[in-house]
Amino acid sequence: MERFNIDNVTINLAHPDDLKLKWVGQPDLIYQLLACWFTEGEDDYPLNPRLLGKPGVGKTTLAYSAARMMQRPIYLFQATMDTRPEDLIVTPVIGAGNSIQYVASSLVSAMVKGGVCILDEGNRMSEKAWASLAPLLDTRRYVESIIAGVKIPAHPDFRICVTMNEDSSTYELPEYIHSRLQPQIYIDFPEREEELLILRHNLPRAREEVLEYIADFLQKAHKADERYTVRDGINIGRFALKAIGSGYDLKSLSPESAPAGQNFSRVEQKSLLALRSAVKLVLGEEGMNYAD
């Protein structure tokens, strides 16, 4: 484990995240995010963008892909309603011989290493947690650990992006934090062709008619203002492919889902049955409203 020392205090750093995430479609969103992180000199500071959208539209993937383009270490921090200030900064743990050791969060590790921190679902955090990050998100660019008794400055190359879900199960951001997380980049549902590109990338073994079916399903749901996203479509496709590949009796999963009529080939019947079963099992009965 890598360590760093500050004011005679040794702190263990977290490892960066290495994920197989790739943003597909809507390249302008990547450019907007990279523009936020651009600086024109030592006296300039990057912006702290927030990505807003419904769960599953690819906010984390977008931020991760943009950070990969900058060729810097990437650290993800998953925020929750229980996130405490010390969780965001430095946590004490019991080490060998009952000694106290300090462990940096992924956010602080990114600060020290000059990496990119993606603070995921940030509007699930309380104001108390956000208050500990206020000096980091303005020109002061530091955090203070009361537990370790140190003030930690951010490396000049440090960048941060906050993703936020557009739903009701979140806290309202305090105004002094809201003004520090700008600009807001909104991620909407993709168009059908972009959705197909995403499905092809994530379901490389799927037949084209399977991908077309899922794309049509999602577009119908979008027009009805349903919450279903391409992540749901990917899960539908993955389950359908696994159900077909495993040799399960698909009619036993959802016997009423068998396609009617004789105009389908045997392969098409099997695919339709698997897809309709997947819609019902992944999204529930209400998902069948868009499954035809």
C-alpha atoms as a PDB file:
ATOM      1  CA  MET A   1       0.000   0.000   0.000  1.00  0.00           C
ATOM      2  CA  GLU A   2       1.372   3.385  -0.980  1.00  0.00           C
ATOM      3  CA  ARG A   3       1.844   5.958   1.774  1.00  0.00           C
ATOM      4  CA  PHE A   4       2.513   9.659   2.050  1.00  0.00           C
ATOM      5  CA  ASN A   5       3.694  11.806   4.940  1.00  0.00           C
ATOM      6  CA  ILE A   6       2.427  15.230   5.921  1.00  0.00           C
ATOM      7  CA  ASP A   7       3.276  17.099   9.130  1.00  0.00           C
ATOM      8  CA  ASN A   8       4.893  13.924  10.538  1.00  0.00           C
ATOM      9  CA  VAL A   9       1.691  11.940   9.972  1.00  0.00           C
ATOM     10  CA  THR A  10       1.783   8.877   7.705  1.00  0.00           C
ATOM     11  CA  ILE A  11      -1.370   8.187   5.707  1.00  0.00           C
ATOM     12  CA  ASN A  12      -2.068   5.102   3.582  1.00  0.00           C
ATOM     13  CA  LEU A  13      -3.437   5.800   0.116  1.00  0.00           C
ATOM     14  CA  ALA A  14      -6.208   3.955  -1.703  1.00  0.00           C
ATOM     15  CA  HIS A  15      -5.599   2.225  -5.021  1.00  0.00           C
ATOM     16  CA  PRO A  16      -7.001   3.805  -8.190  1.00  0.00           C
ATOM     17  CA  ASP A  17      -9.900   2.113  -9.983  1.00  0.00           C
ATOM     18  CA  ASP A  18      -9.261   0.275 -13.239  1.00  0.00           C
ATOM     19  CA  LEU A  19     -12.619  -0.430 -14.862  1.00  0.00           C
ATOM     20  CA  LYS A  20     -13.745  -1.507 -18.323  1.00  0.00           C
ATOM     21  CA  LEU A  21     -15.990   1.490 -18.903  1.00  0.00           C
ATOM     22  CA  LYS A  22     -16.309   3.202 -22.268  1.00  0.00           C
ATOM     23  CA  TRP A  23     -18.588   6.085 -23.196  1.00  0.00           C
ATOM     24  CA  VAL A  24     -20.461   5.427 -26.431  1.00  0.00           C
ATOM     25  CA  GLY A  25     -22.225   8.182 -28.378  1.00  0.00           C
ATOM     26  CA  GLN A  26     -22.779  11.896 -27.608  1.00  0.00           C
ATOM     27  CA  PRO A  27     -19.093  12.959 -27.886  1.00  0.00           C
ATOM     28  CA  ASP A  28     -20.009  16.582 -27.137  1.00  0.00           C
ATOM     29  CA  LEU A  29     -20.604  15.606 -23.494  1.00  0.00           C
ATOM     30  CA  ILE A  30     -17.026  14.341 -23.242  1.00  0.00           C
ATOM     31  CA  TYR A  31     -15.734  17.628 -24.656  1.00  0.00           C
ATOM     32  CA  GLN A  32     -17.852  19.656 -22.227  1.00  0.00           C
ATOM     33  CA  LEU A  33     -16.409  17.729 -19.293  1.00  0.00           C
ATOM     34  CA  LEU A  34     -12.816  18.043 -20.520  1.00  0.00           C
ATOM     35  CA  ALA A  35     -13.349  21.791 -21.003  1.00  0.00           C
ATOM     36  CA  CYS A  36     -14.378  22.073 -17.339  1.00  0.00           C
ATOM     37  CA  TRP A  37     -11.083  20.480 -16.270  1.00  0.00           C
ATOM     38  CA  PHE A  38      -8.893  22.557 -18.578  1.00  0.00           C
ATOM     39  CA  THR A  39      -6.629  25.220 -17.046  1.00  0.00           C
ATOM     40  CA  GLU A  40      -4.720  28.004 -18.796  1.00  0.00           C
ATOM     41  CA  GLY A  41      -1.851  28.373 -16.362  1.00  0.00           C
ATOM     42  CA  GLU A  42      -0.738  28.183 -12.749  1.00  0.00           C
ATOM     43  CA  ASP A  43      -3.072  30.997 -11.708  1.00  0.00           C
ATOM     44  CA  ASP A  44      -6.129  29.243 -13.203  1.00  0.00           C
ATOM     45  CA  TYR A  45      -8.270  26.612 -11.482  1.00  0.00           C
ATOM     46  CA  PRO A  46     -10.365  23.810 -12.940  1.00  0.00           C
ATOM     47  CA  LEU A  47     -14.123  23.797 -12.576  1.00  0.00           C
ATOM     48  CA  ASN A  48     -15.936  21.162 -10.530  1.00  0.00           C
ATOM     49  CA  PRO A  49     -18.712  19.933 -12.850  1.00  0.00           C
ATOM     50  CA  ARG A  50     -21.751  17.986 -11.765  1.00  0.00           C
ATOM     51  CA  LEU A  51     -23.397  15.457 -14.046  1.00  0.00           C
ATOM     52  CA  LEU A  52     -27.155  15.266 -13.617  1.00  0.00           C
ATOM     53  CA  GLY A  53     -29.548  12.687 -15.035  1.00  0.00           C
ATOM     54  CA  LYS A  54     -31.748   9.715 -14.286  1.00  0.00           C
ATOM     55  CA  PRO A  55     -30.085   6.604 -12.797  1.00  0.00           C
ATOM     56  CA  GLY A  56     -28.585   4.445 -15.513  1.00  0.00           C
ATOM     57  CA  VAL A  57     -27.978   7.019 -18.260  1.00  0.00           C
ATOM     58  CA  GLY A  58     -24.188   6.652 -17.997  1.00  0.00           C
ATOM     59  CA  LYS A  59     -23.021   9.534 -15.792  1.00  0.00           C
ATOM     60  CA  THR A  60     -20.237   7.539 -14.142  1.00  0.00           C
ATOM     61  CA  THR A  61     -19.174   6.022 -17.468  1.00  0.00           C
ATOM     62  CA  LEU A  62     -18.984   9.488 -19.016  1.00  0.00           C
ATOM     63  CA  ALA A  63     -16.832  10.856 -16.186  1.00  0.00           C
ATOM     64  CA  TYR A  64     -14.586   7.788 -16.178  1.00  0.00           C
ATOM     65  CA  SER A  65     -14.075   7.908 -19.944  1.00  0.00           C
ATOM     66  CA  ALA A  66     -13.192  11.605 -19.855  1.00  0.00           C
ATOM     67  CA  ALA A  67     -10.715  10.985 -17.040  1.00  0.00           C
ATOM     68  CA  ARG A  68      -9.127   8.141 -19.024  1.00  0.00           C
ATOM     69  CA  MET A  69      -8.545  10.560 -21.896  1.00  0.00           C
ATOM     70  CA  MET A  70      -6.513  12.718 -19.495  1.00  0.00           C
ATOM     71  CA  GLN A  71      -4.334   9.674 -18.669  1.00  0.00           C
ATOM     72  CA  ARG A  72      -4.519  10.201 -14.942  1.00  0.00           C
ATOM     73  CA  PRO A  73      -5.312   7.772 -12.110  1.00  0.00           C
ATOM     74  CA  ILE A  74      -9.047   7.559 -11.457  1.00  0.00           C
ATOM     75  CA  TYR A  75     -10.672   7.115  -8.069  1.00  0.00           C
ATOM     76  CA  LEU A  76     -14.364   6.456  -7.473  1.00  0.00           C
ATOM     77  CA  PHE A  77     -16.118   7.331  -4.237  1.00  0.00           C
ATOM     78  CA  GLN A  78     -19.670   6.051  -3.770  1.00  0.00           C
ATOM     79  CA  ALA A  79     -21.620   8.526  -1.676  1.00  0.00           C
ATOM     80  CA  THR A  80     -24.527   7.388   0.524  1.00  0.00           C
ATOM     81  CA  MET A  81     -26.890   8.973   3.024  1.00  0.00           C
ATOM     82  CA  ASP A  82     -24.566   7.639   5.768  1.00  0.00           C
ATOM     83  CA  THR A  83     -21.363   9.184   4.391  1.00  0.00           C
ATOM     84  CA  ARG A  84     -19.545  11.036   7.168  1.00  0.00           C
ATOM     85  CA  PRO A  85     -16.891  13.762   6.851  1.00  0.00           C
ATOM     86  CA  GLU A  86     -14.179  11.338   7.970  1.00  0.00           C
ATOM     87  CA  ASP A  87     -15.300   8.851   5.299  1.00  0.00           C
ATOM     88  CA  LEU A  88     -14.558  11.519   2.699  1.00  0.00           C
ATOM     89  CA  ILE A  89     -11.139  12.421   4.086  1.00  0.00           C
ATOM     90  CA  VAL A  90      -9.139  10.207   6.483  1.00  0.00           C
ATOM     91  CA  THR A  91     -10.307   7.241   8.562  1.00  0.00           C
ATOM     92  CA  PRO A  92      -8.403   5.772  11.557  1.00  0.00           C
ATOM     93  CA  VAL A  93      -7.975   1.988  11.707  1.00  0.00           C
ATOM     94  CA  ILE A  94      -6.328  -0.386  14.176  1.00  0.00           C
ATOM     95  CA  GLY A  95      -3.000  -1.681  12.828  1.00  0.00           C
ATOM     96  CA  ALA A  96      -0.330  -4.087  14.043  1.00  0.00           C
ATOM     97  CA  GLY A  97       0.272  -3.969  17.769  1.00  0.00           C
ATOM     98  CA  ASN A  98      -2.965  -2.032  18.286  1.00  0.00           C
ATOM     99  CA  SER A  99      -1.391   1.047  16.708  1.00  0.00           C
ATOM    100  CA  ILE A 100      -3.565   3.674  15.058  1.00  0.00           C
ATOM    101  CA  GLN A 101      -3.101   3.955  11.306  1.00  0.00           C
ATOM    102  CA  TYR A 102      -4.664   6.501   8.987  1.00  0.00           C
ATOM    103  CA  VAL A 103      -6.241   5.557   5.665  1.00  0.00           C
ATOM    104  CA  ALA A 104      -7.025   8.152   3.021  1.00  0.00           C
ATOM    105  CA  SER A 105     -10.312   8.015   1.154  1.00  0.00           C
ATOM    106  CA  SER A 106     -10.282   7.578  -2.598  1.00  0.00           C
ATOM    107  CA  LEU A 107     -10.987  11.334  -2.873  1.00  0.00           C
ATOM    108  CA  VAL A 108      -7.948  12.311  -0.794  1.00  0.00           C
ATOM    109  CA  SER A 109      -5.838   9.730  -2.632  1.00  0.00           C
ATOM    110  CA  ALA A 110      -6.792  11.412  -5.902  1.00  0.00           C
ATOM    111  CA  MET A 111      -5.876  14.792  -4.383  1.00  0.00           C
ATOM    112  CA  VAL A 112      -2.429  13.555  -3.353  1.00  0.00           C
ATOM    113  CA  LYS A 113      -1.654  11.699  -6.602  1.00  0.00           C
ATOM    114  CA  GLY A 114      -3.012  14.366  -8.941  1.00  0.00           C
ATOM    115  CA  GLY A 115      -5.729  12.042 -10.178  1.00  0.00           C
ATOM    116  CA  VAL A 116      -9.423  12.380 -10.951  1.00  0.00           C
ATOM    117  CA  CYS A 117     -12.059  11.677  -8.322  1.00  0.00           C
ATOM    118  CA  ILE A 118     -15.578  10.761  -9.390  1.00  0.00           C
ATOM    119  CA  LEU A 119     -17.882  11.414  -6.451  1.00  0.00           C
ATOM    120  CA  ASP A 120     -20.803   9.204  -7.386  1.00  0.00           C
ATOM    121  CA  GLU A 121     -24.387  10.089  -6.412  1.00  0.00           C
ATOM    122  CA  GLY A 122     -23.194  13.108  -4.476  1.00  0.00           C
ATOM    123  CA  ASN A 123     -26.659  14.426  -3.686  1.00  0.00           C
ATOM    124  CA  ARG A 124     -27.230  11.469  -1.394  1.00  0.00           C
ATOM    125  CA  MET A 125     -24.825  13.058   1.105  1.00  0.00           C
ATOM    126  CA  SER A 126     -25.901  15.270   3.978  1.00  0.00           C
ATOM    127  CA  GLU A 127     -24.829  18.904   4.397  1.00  0.00           C
ATOM    128  CA  LYS A 128     -22.443  17.896   7.183  1.00  0.00           C
ATOM    129  CA  ALA A 129     -20.500  15.700   4.778  1.00  0.00           C
ATOM    130  CA  TRP A 130     -20.507  18.375   2.067  1.00  0.00           C
ATOM    131  CA  ALA A 131     -19.246  21.032   4.496  1.00  0.00           C
ATOM    132  CA  SER A 132     -15.947  19.149   4.865  1.00  0.00           C
ATOM    133  CA  LEU A 133     -15.346  19.561   1.110  1.00  0.00           C
ATOM    134  CA  ALA A 134     -16.150  23.286   0.847  1.00  0.00           C
ATOM    135  CA  PRO A 135     -12.475  24.430   0.938  1.00  0.00           C
ATOM    136  CA  LEU A 136     -11.560  21.814  -1.685  1.00  0.00           C
ATOM    137  CA  LEU A 137     -14.165  23.059  -4.140  1.00  0.00           C
ATOM    138  CA  ASP A 138     -13.020  26.691  -4.204  1.00  0.00           C
ATOM    139  CA  THR A 139      -9.643  28.330  -4.743  1.00  0.00           C
ATOM    140  CA  ARG A 140      -8.304  27.064  -1.410  1.00  0.00           C
ATOM    141  CA  ARG A 141      -8.090  23.513  -2.803  1.00  0.00           C
ATOM    142  CA  TYR A 142      -7.507  21.633   0.458  1.00  0.00           C
ATOM    143  CA  VAL A 143      -9.302  19.444   2.985  1.00  0.00           C
ATOM    144  CA  GLU A 144      -8.738  19.300   6.713  1.00  0.00           C
ATOM    145  CA  SER A 145      -8.731  16.078   8.732  1.00  0.00           C
ATOM    146  CA  ILE A 146      -9.708  16.675  12.348  1.00  0.00           C
ATOM    147  CA  ILE A 147      -8.972  13.020  13.124  1.00  0.00           C
ATOM    148  CA  ALA A 148      -5.398  13.039  11.798  1.00  0.00           C
ATOM    149  CA  GLY A 149      -4.819  16.698  12.663  1.00  0.00           C
ATOM    150  CA  VAL A 150      -3.536  17.642   9.218  1.00  0.00           C
ATOM    151  CA  LYS A 151      -4.476  19.931   6.337  1.00  0.00           C
ATOM    152  CA  ILE A 152      -4.052  18.232   2.960  1.00  0.00           C
ATOM    153  CA  PRO A 153      -3.582  20.373  -0.176  1.00  0.00           C
ATOM    154  CA  ALA A 154      -4.671  19.151  -3.598  1.00  0.00           C
ATOM    155  CA  HIS A 155      -2.089  18.439  -6.284  1.00  0.00           C
ATOM    156  CA  PRO A 156      -2.369  20.935  -9.181  1.00  0.00           C
ATOM    157  CA  ASP A 157      -3.438  18.098 -11.475  1.00  0.00           C
ATOM    158  CA  PHE A 158      -6.303  16.994  -9.217  1.00  0.00           C
ATOM    159  CA  ARG A 159      -9.750  17.066 -10.809  1.00  0.00           C
ATOM    160  CA  ILE A 160     -13.182  16.182  -9.431  1.00  0.00           C
ATOM    161  CA  CYS A 161     -16.565  15.444 -10.952  1.00  0.00           C
ATOM    162  CA  VAL A 162     -19.792  14.817  -9.051  1.00  0.00           C
ATOM    163  CA  THR A 163     -22.613  12.699 -10.444  1.00  0.00           C
ATOM    164  CA  MET A 164     -26.154  13.259  -9.225  1.00  0.00           C
ATOM    165  CA  ASN A 165     -29.292  11.265  -9.806  1.00  0.00           C
ATOM    166  CA  GLU A 166     -32.415  13.087 -10.845  1.00  0.00           C
ATOM    167  CA  ASP A 167     -34.760  11.459  -8.344  1.00  0.00           C
ATOM    168  CA  SER A 168     -36.546  12.248  -5.105  1.00  0.00           C
ATOM    169  CA  SER A 169     -34.493  10.095  -2.720  1.00  0.00           C
ATOM    170  CA  THR A 170     -31.776  12.703  -2.303  1.00  0.00           C
ATOM    171  CA  TYR A 171     -30.829  15.702  -0.198  1.00  0.00           C
ATOM    172  CA  GLU A 172     -31.067  19.257  -1.447  1.00  0.00           C
ATOM    173  CA  LEU A 173     -27.588  20.666  -2.004  1.00  0.00           C
ATOM    174  CA  PRO A 174     -26.746  23.610   0.283  1.00  0.00           C
ATOM    175  CA  GLU A 175     -26.380  26.792  -1.744  1.00  0.00           C
ATOM    176  CA  TYR A 176     -22.706  27.311  -0.876  1.00  0.00           C
ATOM    177  CA  ILE A 177     -21.966  23.850  -2.315  1.00  0.00           C
ATOM    178  CA  HIS A 178     -24.299  24.289  -5.267  1.00  0.00           C
ATOM    179  CA  SER A 179     -22.323  27.364  -6.376  1.00  0.00           C
ATOM    180  CA  ARG A 180     -19.065  25.408  -6.105  1.00  0.00           C
ATOM    181  CA  LEU A 181     -20.259  22.561  -8.356  1.00  0.00           C
ATOM    182  CA  GLN A 182     -20.578  24.253 -11.701  1.00  0.00           C
ATOM    183  CA  PRO A 183     -21.353  23.908 -14.505  1.00  0.00           C
ATOM    184  CA  GLN A 184     -24.168  21.389 -14.577  1.00  0.00           C
ATOM    185  CA  ILE A 185     -24.032  18.936 -17.476  1.00  0.00           C
ATOM    186  CA  TYR A 186     -27.356  17.215 -18.066  1.00  0.00           C
ATOM    187  CA  ILE A 187     -27.391  13.699 -19.534  1.00  0.00           C
ATOM    188  CA  ASP A 188     -30.683  12.815 -21.157  1.00  0.00           C
ATOM    189  CA  PHE A 189     -31.889   9.578 -22.732  1.00  0.00           C
ATOM    190  CA  PRO A 190     -29.953   8.920 -25.954  1.00  0.00           C
ATOM    191  CA  GLU A 191     -31.540   8.829 -29.386  1.00  0.00           C
ATOM    192  CA  ARG A 192     -32.369   5.424 -30.847  1.00  0.00           C
ATOM    193  CA  GLU A 193     -29.200   5.115 -32.970  1.00  0.00           C
ATOM    194  CA  GLU A 194     -27.003   6.088 -30.025  1.00  0.00           C
ATOM    195  CA  GLU A 195     -28.864   3.614 -27.850  1.00  0.00           C
ATOM    196  CA  LEU A 196     -28.201   0.911 -30.434  1.00  0.00           C
ATOM    197  CA  LEU A 197     -24.486   1.760 -30.384  1.00  0.00           C
ATOM    198  CA  ILE A 198     -24.419   1.407 -26.601  1.00  0.00           C
ATOM    199  CA  LEU A 199     -26.278  -1.908 -26.766  1.00  0.00           C
ATOM    200  CA  ARG A 200     -23.934  -3.261 -29.453  1.00  0.00           C
ATOM    201  CA  HIS A 201     -20.924  -2.299 -27.352  1.00  0.00           C
ATOM    202  CA  ASN A 202     -22.247  -3.933 -24.183  1.00  0.00           C
ATOM    203  CA  LEU A 203     -23.934  -6.945 -25.808  1.00  0.00           C
ATOM    204  CA  PRO A 204     -21.422  -7.982 -28.495  1.00  0.00           C
ATOM    205  CA  ARG A 205     -22.825 -11.541 -28.711  1.00  0.00           C
ATOM    206  CA  ALA A 206     -26.424 -10.501 -29.282  1.00  0.00           C
ATOM    207  CA  ARG A 207     -28.119 -10.908 -32.655  1.00  0.00           C
ATOM    208  CA  GLU A 208     -29.044  -7.652 -34.373  1.00  0.00           C
ATOM    209  CA  GLU A 209     -32.792  -8.272 -34.073  1.00  0.00           C
ATOM    210  CA  VAL A 210     -32.357  -8.667 -30.313  1.00  0.00           C
ATOM    211  CA  LEU A 211     -30.643  -5.280 -30.118  1.00  0.00           C
ATOM    212  CA  GLU A 212     -33.323  -3.710 -32.318  1.00  0.00           C
ATOM    213  CA  TYR A 213     -36.054  -5.102 -30.078  1.00  0.00           C
ATOM    214  CA  ILE A 214     -34.416  -3.675 -26.938  1.00  0.00           C
ATOM    215  CA  ALA A 215     -33.825  -0.296 -28.585  1.00  0.00           C
ATOM    216  CA  ASP A 216     -37.483  -0.106 -29.667  1.00  0.00           C
ATOM    217  CA  PHE A 217     -38.573  -1.111 -26.169  1.00  0.00           C
ATOM    218  CA  LEU A 218     -36.492   1.661 -24.611  1.00  0.00           C
ATOM    219  CA  GLN A 219     -37.648   4.305 -27.071  1.00  0.00           C
ATOM    220  CA  LYS A 220     -41.309   3.483 -26.329  1.00  0.00           C
ATOM    221  CA  ALA A 221     -40.586   3.762 -22.615  1.00  0.00           C
ATOM    222  CA  HIS A 222     -38.776   7.103 -23.064  1.00  0.00           C
ATOM    223  CA  LYS A 223     -41.727   8.570 -24.954  1.00  0.00           C
ATOM    224  CA  ALA A 224     -43.992   7.518 -22.087  1.00  0.00           C
ATOM    225  CA  ASP A 225     -41.617   9.230 -19.627  1.00  0.00           C
ATOM    226  CA  GLU A 226     -40.775   5.939 -17.935  1.00  0.00           C
ATOM    227  CA  ARG A 227     -37.647   5.643 -15.803  1.00  0.00           C
ATOM    228  CA  TYR A 228     -36.160   2.774 -17.836  1.00  0.00           C
ATOM    229  CA  THR A 229     -32.644   3.467 -19.141  1.00  0.00           C
ATOM    230  CA  VAL A 230     -30.124   1.773 -21.375  1.00  0.00           C
ATOM    231  CA  ARG A 231     -28.741   0.046 -18.274  1.00  0.00           C
ATOM    232  CA  ASP A 232     -32.101  -1.708 -17.959  1.00  0.00           C
ATOM    233  CA  GLY A 233     -31.906  -2.590 -21.644  1.00  0.00           C
ATOM    234  CA  ILE A 234     -28.461  -4.113 -21.183  1.00  0.00           C
ATOM    235  CA  ASN A 235     -29.717  -6.192 -18.250  1.00  0.00           C
ATOM    236  CA  ILE A 236     -32.678  -7.374 -20.329  1.00  0.00           C
ATOM    237  CA  GLY A 237     -30.326  -8.407 -23.113  1.00  0.00           C
ATOM    238  CA  ARG A 238     -27.855 -10.119 -20.794  1.00  0.00           C
ATOM    239  CA  PHE A 239     -30.568 -12.149 -19.100  1.00  0.00           C
ATOM    240  CA  ALA A 240     -32.145 -13.121 -22.417  1.00  0.00           C
ATOM    241  CA  LEU A 241     -28.795 -14.304 -23.779  1.00  0.00           C
ATOM    242  CA  LYS A 242     -28.039 -16.257 -20.617  1.00  0.00           C
ATOM    243  CA  ALA A 243     -31.507 -17.838 -20.643  1.00  0.00           C
ATOM    244  CA  ILE A 244     -31.057 -18.956 -24.255  1.00  0.00           C
ATOM    245  CA  GLY A 245     -27.472 -20.130 -23.730  1.00  0.00           C
ATOM    246  CA  SER A 246     -28.250 -22.073 -20.571  1.00  0.00           C
ATOM    247  CA  GLY A 247     -30.968 -24.113 -22.267  1.00  0.00           C
ATOM    248  CA  TYR A 248     -33.651 -23.274 -19.696  1.00  0.00           C
ATOM    249  CA  ASP A 249     -37.263 -23.952 -20.593  1.00  0.00           C
ATOM    250  CA  LEU A 250     -38.217 -20.355 -21.324  1.00  0.00           C
ATOM    251  CA  LYS A 251     -41.937 -21.105 -21.288  1.00  0.00           C
ATOM    252  CA  SER A 252     -41.599 -22.220 -17.692  1.00  0.00           C
ATOM    253  CA  LEU A 253     -40.167 -18.788 -16.852  1.00  0.00           C
ATOM    254  CA  SER A 254     -43.066 -16.889 -18.374  1.00  0.00           C
ATOM    255  CA  PRO A 255     -45.455 -19.129 -20.314  1.00  0.00           C
ATOM    256  CA  GLU A 256     -47.738 -16.273 -21.353  1.00  0.00           C
ATOM    257  CA  SER A 257     -44.817 -14.603 -23.136  1.00  0.00           C
ATOM    258  CA  ALA A 258     -44.744 -17.006 -26.075  1.00  0.00           C
ATOM    259  CA  PRO A 259     -45.037 -15.062 -29.365  1.00  0.00           C
ATOM    260  CA  ALA A 260     -48.316 -15.643 -31.128  1.00  0.00           C
ATOM    261  CA  GLY A 261     -48.704 -16.569 -34.796  1.00  0.00           C
ATOM    262  CA  GLN A 262     -46.621 -18.588 -37.200  1.00  0.00           C
ATOM    263  CA  ASN A 263     -44.684 -15.802 -38.945  1.00  0.00           C
ATOM    264  CA  PHE A 264     -41.515 -16.225 -36.866  1.00  0.00           C
ATOM    265  CA  SER A 265     -38.669 -18.666 -37.403  1.00  0.00           C
ATOM    266  CA  ARG A 266     -37.749 -20.993 -34.560  1.00  0.00           C
ATOM    267  CA  VAL A 267     -34.733 -18.828 -33.683  1.00  0.00           C
ATOM    268  CA  GLU A 268     -36.854 -15.672 -33.705  1.00  0.00           C
ATOM    269  CA  GLN A 269     -39.514 -17.322 -31.531  1.00  0.00           C
ATOM    270  CA  LYS A 270     -36.861 -18.327 -29.014  1.00  0.00           C
ATOM    271  CA  SER A 271     -35.355 -14.837 -29.003  1.00  0.00           C
ATOM    272  CA  LEU A 272     -38.738 -13.125 -28.590  1.00  0.00           C
ATOM    273  CA  LEU A 273     -39.733 -15.478 -25.797  1.00  0.00           C
ATOM    274  CA  ALA A 274     -36.419 -14.877 -24.013  1.00  0.00           C
ATOM    275  CA  LEU A 275     -36.682 -11.098 -24.418  1.00  0.00           C
ATOM    276  CA  ARG A 276     -40.267 -10.855 -23.209  1.00  0.00           C
ATOM    277  CA  SER A 277     -39.421 -13.096 -20.255  1.00  0.00           C
ATOM    278  CA  ALA A 278     -36.404 -10.924 -19.503  1.00  0.00           C
ATOM    279  CA  VAL A 279     -38.493  -7.733 -19.589  1.00  0.00           C
ATOM    280  CA  LYS A 280     -40.951  -9.188 -17.107  1.00  0.00           C
ATOM    281  CA  LEU A 281     -38.317 -10.593 -14.742  1.00  0.00           C
ATOM    282  CA  VAL A 282     -35.978  -7.567 -14.870  1.00  0.00           C
ATOM    283  CA  LEU A 283     -38.535  -4.745 -14.790  1.00  0.00           C
ATOM    284  CA  GLY A 284     -41.690  -6.379 -13.492  1.00  0.00           C
ATOM    285  CA  GLU A 285     -45.170  -6.633 -14.929  1.00  0.00           C
ATOM    286  CA  GLU A 286     -45.337  -2.904 -15.747  1.00  0.00           C
ATOM    287  CA  GLY A 287     -42.470  -3.307 -18.183  1.00  0.00           C
ATOM    288  CA  MET A 288     -44.647  -5.510 -20.377  1.00  0.00           C
ATOM    289  CA  ASN A 289     -46.566  -2.411 -21.462  1.00  0.00           C
ATOM    290  CA  TYR A 290     -43.722  -1.696 -23.879  1.00  0.00           C
ATOM    291  CA  ALA A 291     -42.674  -5.264 -24.697  1.00  0.00           C
ATOM    292  CA  ASP A 292     -44.752  -5.904 -27.818  1.00  0.00           C
END
